[in-house]
């Protein structure tokens, strides 16, 4: 039942994110920018600070939907660049993300209990390294570093699907039934995989390949990859709630490992 609630919330978040992308691309009523990124981060923090009670469920669902809407809004500029190259890349990347996400989710659910929880520390270390690397690449503009961040980041978020799924199951078994907050972890994994697949598919197109890489780097410089930031906003909880045997480390507030360290995708 808990997983059913988690994935139901994930579906709601996906629809809200799709609505956000639609608003940016087709209406222009709200444009993605620094303020929308701050609004998304604020909604995420507000969601994490709101207690999980039956009375707060509608409010927390609203906060989750708002955060997902802002996340989808922030994907709008990237999707417009990709659509200029080949509009079919977007549905292809989405279907690829669904396949990858589903495969790793099933692998985590059918694997031996807690078998992937050891991945927490190395994945967070790798994520932190890539954040610093992408910061440095703003000044160097290296294509090789850009590709490294892209492909290694994809592998890391695939690993986080394994880790987060098993962690959610363990939290539930230990009495943590906050399915709305658990949904946030999986939503961020999905969005980051989708984003990277879009960039990879677009950069592999022969037409305007160099122009695309230049434009995408400019976009990263301007927005500083706010999805990385949102992932880092919730990263400490992941590490400090890793289950080792029967020991459960002290729970900390929302994942704040490098909170506000960057304003990213």
Protein backbone atom coordinates (compact mmCIF):
# COMPACT_ATOMS: atom_id res chain seq x y z
CA UNK A 1 0.00 0.00 0.00
CA UNK A 2 2.83 2.41 0.83
CA UNK A 3 4.51 1.94 -2.55
CA UNK A 4 1.14 2.37 -4.24
CA UNK A 5 0.77 5.75 -2.54
CA UNK A 6 4.34 6.73 -3.45
CA UNK A 7 3.89 5.97 -7.13
CA UNK A 8 0.46 7.61 -7.18
CA UNK A 9 2.08 10.82 -5.89
CA UNK A 10 4.84 10.37 -8.46
CA UNK A 11 2.22 10.26 -11.23
CA UNK A 12 0.65 13.48 -9.92
CA UNK A 13 4.08 15.13 -9.85
CA UNK A 14 4.73 14.03 -13.43
CA UNK A 15 1.49 15.61 -14.64
CA UNK A 16 2.33 18.83 -12.78
CA UNK A 17 5.83 18.89 -14.30
CA UNK A 18 4.36 18.33 -17.77
CA UNK A 19 2.00 21.25 -17.17
CA UNK A 20 4.93 23.44 -16.15
CA UNK A 21 6.86 22.59 -19.31
CA UNK A 22 3.76 23.26 -21.42
CA UNK A 23 3.25 26.67 -19.83
CA UNK A 24 6.84 27.72 -20.57
CA UNK A 25 6.98 26.40 -24.13
CA UNK A 26 3.53 27.16 -25.51
CA UNK A 27 2.04 30.00 -23.48
CA UNK A 28 4.88 32.16 -22.23
CA UNK A 29 2.63 33.12 -19.32
CA UNK A 30 5.38 32.15 -16.86
CA UNK A 31 8.99 31.90 -17.96
CA UNK A 32 11.62 29.82 -16.18
CA UNK A 33 14.26 31.85 -14.42
CA UNK A 34 16.05 32.52 -11.16
CA UNK A 35 12.88 33.43 -9.28
CA UNK A 36 11.05 30.29 -10.37
CA UNK A 37 14.04 28.23 -9.26
CA UNK A 38 13.95 29.91 -5.85
CA UNK A 39 10.20 29.32 -5.69
CA UNK A 40 10.71 25.61 -6.39
CA UNK A 41 13.37 25.31 -3.69
CA UNK A 42 11.16 27.19 -1.25
CA UNK A 43 8.21 24.88 -1.94
CA UNK A 44 10.45 21.84 -1.42
CA UNK A 45 11.71 23.14 1.92
CA UNK A 46 8.16 24.02 2.97
CA UNK A 47 7.04 20.52 2.06
CA UNK A 48 9.85 18.97 4.11
CA UNK A 49 9.00 21.12 7.13
CA UNK A 50 5.28 20.35 7.05
CA UNK A 51 4.43 17.39 9.33
CA UNK A 52 3.04 14.26 7.74
CA UNK A 53 -0.47 14.10 9.16
CA UNK A 54 -3.85 13.28 7.58
CA UNK A 55 -4.91 16.90 8.08
CA UNK A 56 -1.86 18.17 6.19
CA UNK A 57 -2.14 15.76 3.27
CA UNK A 58 -4.04 18.11 0.91
CA UNK A 59 -1.65 20.96 1.73
CA UNK A 60 1.42 18.78 1.19
CA UNK A 61 0.05 17.46 -2.09
CA UNK A 62 -0.38 21.05 -3.20
CA UNK A 63 3.21 21.83 -2.25
CA UNK A 64 4.43 18.74 -4.12
CA UNK A 65 2.45 19.74 -7.20
CA UNK A 66 3.81 23.28 -7.01
CA UNK A 67 7.37 22.04 -6.72
CA UNK A 68 6.86 19.65 -9.66
CA UNK A 69 5.30 22.46 -11.72
CA UNK A 70 8.34 24.67 -11.12
CA UNK A 71 10.63 21.78 -12.01
CA UNK A 72 8.79 21.23 -15.28
CA UNK A 73 8.88 24.96 -15.93
CA UNK A 74 12.66 24.92 -15.55
CA UNK A 75 12.93 22.15 -18.14
CA UNK A 76 11.20 24.37 -20.69
CA UNK A 77 14.31 26.20 -22.02
CA UNK A 78 16.21 22.94 -22.51
CA UNK A 79 13.24 21.31 -24.24
CA UNK A 80 12.94 24.29 -26.60
CA UNK A 81 16.60 23.95 -27.59
CA UNK A 82 16.19 20.21 -28.13
CA UNK A 83 12.99 20.73 -30.14
CA UNK A 84 14.86 23.09 -32.48
CA UNK A 85 17.20 20.21 -33.32
CA UNK A 86 14.65 17.39 -33.53
CA UNK A 87 11.30 17.45 -31.77
CA UNK A 88 11.16 13.63 -31.70
CA UNK A 89 14.06 13.61 -29.22
CA UNK A 90 11.74 14.69 -26.41
CA UNK A 91 9.28 11.74 -26.56
CA UNK A 92 12.18 9.37 -27.27
CA UNK A 93 14.03 10.59 -24.18
CA UNK A 94 10.86 10.33 -22.11
CA UNK A 95 10.17 6.75 -23.20
CA UNK A 96 13.82 5.89 -22.58
CA UNK A 97 13.58 7.37 -19.10
CA UNK A 98 10.43 5.35 -18.37
CA UNK A 99 12.18 2.15 -19.45
CA UNK A 100 15.33 2.89 -17.44
CA UNK A 101 13.41 4.01 -14.35
CA UNK A 102 11.07 1.01 -14.45
CA UNK A 103 13.93 -1.45 -14.98
CA UNK A 104 15.98 -0.15 -12.05
CA UNK A 105 12.89 0.07 -9.85
CA UNK A 106 11.99 -3.57 -10.50
CA UNK A 107 15.61 -4.58 -9.95
CA UNK A 108 15.56 -2.86 -6.54
CA UNK A 109 12.21 -4.35 -5.53
CA UNK A 110 13.09 -7.92 -6.48
CA UNK A 111 16.67 -7.84 -5.23
CA UNK A 112 17.70 -9.07 -1.82
CA UNK A 113 16.59 -6.76 0.97
CA UNK A 114 19.01 -3.87 1.63
CA UNK A 115 21.38 -5.14 -1.05
CA UNK A 116 21.70 -1.69 -2.69
CA UNK A 117 21.73 0.50 0.41
CA UNK A 118 25.52 0.44 0.50
CA UNK A 119 25.45 2.58 -2.66
CA UNK A 120 24.33 5.65 -0.71
CA UNK A 121 27.74 6.98 0.31
CA UNK A 122 29.57 6.44 -3.01
CA UNK A 123 26.65 7.87 -4.99
CA UNK A 124 26.52 11.01 -2.85
CA UNK A 125 30.29 11.38 -3.09
CA UNK A 126 30.10 11.06 -6.86
CA UNK A 127 27.26 13.56 -7.02
CA UNK A 128 29.21 16.07 -4.93
CA UNK A 129 32.26 15.60 -7.16
CA UNK A 130 30.22 16.22 -10.31
CA UNK A 131 28.71 19.38 -8.81
CA UNK A 132 32.20 20.76 -8.13
CA UNK A 133 33.35 19.62 -11.57
CA UNK A 134 30.49 21.38 -13.31
CA UNK A 135 31.24 24.54 -11.31
CA UNK A 136 34.85 24.42 -12.48
CA UNK A 137 33.81 23.76 -16.07
CA UNK A 138 31.96 27.08 -16.16
CA UNK A 139 35.40 28.71 -16.35
CA UNK A 140 37.17 26.11 -18.52
CA UNK A 141 34.36 25.23 -20.95
CA UNK A 142 35.79 21.79 -21.64
CA UNK A 143 33.70 19.53 -23.89
CA UNK A 144 35.31 16.46 -22.34
CA UNK A 145 34.33 17.55 -18.83
CA UNK A 146 30.84 18.36 -20.08
CA UNK A 147 30.45 14.83 -21.47
CA UNK A 148 31.93 13.32 -18.31
CA UNK A 149 29.42 15.17 -16.13
CA UNK A 150 26.64 14.14 -18.49
CA UNK A 151 27.30 10.40 -18.71
CA UNK A 152 28.60 9.85 -15.18
CA UNK A 153 25.66 11.87 -13.86
CA UNK A 154 23.30 9.57 -15.77
CA UNK A 155 24.90 6.51 -14.16
CA UNK A 156 24.70 8.10 -10.71
CA UNK A 157 21.00 8.86 -11.00
CA UNK A 158 20.31 5.35 -12.27
CA UNK A 159 22.07 4.09 -9.15
CA UNK A 160 20.00 6.47 -7.04
CA UNK A 161 16.83 4.83 -8.36
CA UNK A 162 18.09 1.54 -6.89
CA UNK A 163 19.13 3.16 -3.64
CA UNK A 164 16.05 5.34 -3.16
CA UNK A 165 13.63 2.51 -3.92
CA UNK A 166 15.15 0.18 -1.35
CA UNK A 167 15.53 3.02 1.14
CA UNK A 168 11.83 3.86 0.83
CA UNK A 169 10.94 0.22 1.51
CA UNK A 170 13.17 0.17 4.58
CA UNK A 171 11.76 3.45 5.87
CA UNK A 172 8.25 2.05 5.55
CA UNK A 173 9.21 -1.10 7.46
CA UNK A 174 10.65 1.08 10.21
CA UNK A 175 7.49 3.17 10.54
CA UNK A 176 8.17 6.10 8.22
CA UNK A 177 4.99 6.32 6.11
CA UNK A 178 5.58 9.75 4.59
CA UNK A 179 4.81 8.70 1.03
CA UNK A 180 4.65 12.28 -0.26
CA UNK A 181 8.21 13.06 0.77
CA UNK A 182 9.40 9.65 -0.43
CA UNK A 183 7.92 10.49 -3.82
CA UNK A 184 10.21 13.55 -4.08
CA UNK A 185 13.32 11.35 -4.18
CA UNK A 186 12.03 9.27 -7.07
CA UNK A 187 10.70 12.32 -8.90
CA UNK A 188 14.12 14.00 -8.83
CA UNK A 189 15.75 10.79 -10.05
CA UNK A 190 13.31 10.58 -12.96
CA UNK A 191 13.69 14.23 -13.97
CA UNK A 192 17.48 14.13 -13.90
CA UNK A 193 17.62 10.94 -15.99
CA UNK A 194 15.18 12.48 -18.49
CA UNK A 195 17.20 15.67 -18.73
CA UNK A 196 20.45 13.84 -19.38
CA UNK A 197 18.94 11.53 -21.96
CA UNK A 198 17.58 14.55 -23.83
CA UNK A 199 20.99 16.21 -23.88
CA UNK A 200 22.76 13.01 -24.90
CA UNK A 201 20.36 12.31 -27.76
CA UNK A 202 20.47 15.91 -28.95
CA UNK A 203 24.26 16.18 -28.77
CA UNK A 204 24.59 13.00 -30.82
CA UNK A 205 22.67 14.56 -33.69
CA UNK A 206 25.06 15.54 -36.48
CA UNK A 207 23.09 18.65 -37.45
CA UNK A 208 24.06 21.72 -35.42
CA UNK A 209 25.91 19.55 -32.93
CA UNK A 210 28.48 22.20 -32.06
CA UNK A 211 25.83 24.89 -31.82
CA UNK A 212 23.78 22.71 -29.48
CA UNK A 213 26.70 22.12 -27.12
CA UNK A 214 27.44 25.84 -27.05
CA UNK A 215 23.81 26.73 -26.34
CA UNK A 216 23.43 24.07 -23.67
CA UNK A 217 26.56 25.28 -21.88
CA UNK A 218 25.21 28.83 -21.95
CA UNK A 219 21.94 27.59 -20.50
CA UNK A 220 23.84 25.78 -17.73
CA UNK A 221 25.83 28.92 -16.95
CA UNK A 222 22.70 31.05 -16.69
CA UNK A 223 20.57 28.65 -14.67
CA UNK A 224 23.39 26.76 -12.96
CA UNK A 225 21.56 23.46 -13.15
CA UNK A 226 18.86 23.97 -10.49
CA UNK A 227 17.81 20.31 -10.44
CA UNK A 228 21.28 19.51 -9.15
CA UNK A 229 20.58 22.02 -6.42
CA UNK A 230 17.23 20.43 -5.64
CA UNK A 231 18.85 17.05 -5.50
CA UNK A 232 21.46 18.45 -3.11
CA UNK A 233 18.71 20.09 -1.02
CA UNK A 234 17.57 16.61 -0.11
CA UNK A 235 20.87 14.75 -0.09
CA UNK A 236 21.84 14.71 3.59
CA UNK A 237 18.67 12.90 4.64
CA UNK A 238 19.52 10.17 2.15
CA UNK A 239 22.93 9.64 3.68
CA UNK A 240 21.86 9.97 7.28
CA UNK A 241 18.94 7.62 6.89
CA UNK A 242 20.95 4.84 5.25
CA UNK A 243 20.20 1.58 7.02
CA UNK A 244 23.20 -0.52 8.02
CA UNK A 245 22.05 -3.84 9.42
CA UNK A 246 19.53 -2.98 12.10
CA UNK A 247 21.05 0.39 12.93
CA UNK A 248 19.25 3.48 11.69
CA UNK A 249 21.17 6.72 11.85
CA UNK A 250 19.56 9.79 13.37
CA UNK A 251 17.06 11.40 11.00
CA UNK A 252 17.89 14.93 9.95
CA UNK A 253 15.59 17.52 8.32
CA UNK A 254 15.31 17.55 4.56
CA UNK A 255 18.30 16.53 2.53
CA UNK A 256 20.47 19.58 3.04
CA UNK A 257 23.92 18.35 2.02
CA UNK A 258 25.21 21.48 0.15
CA UNK A 259 21.85 23.30 0.41
CA UNK A 260 21.72 26.28 -1.88
CA UNK A 261 25.17 25.27 -3.15
CA UNK A 262 24.07 25.92 -6.69
CA UNK A 263 21.16 27.01 -8.83
CA UNK A 264 20.95 24.23 -11.38
CA UNK A 265 18.88 22.36 -14.15
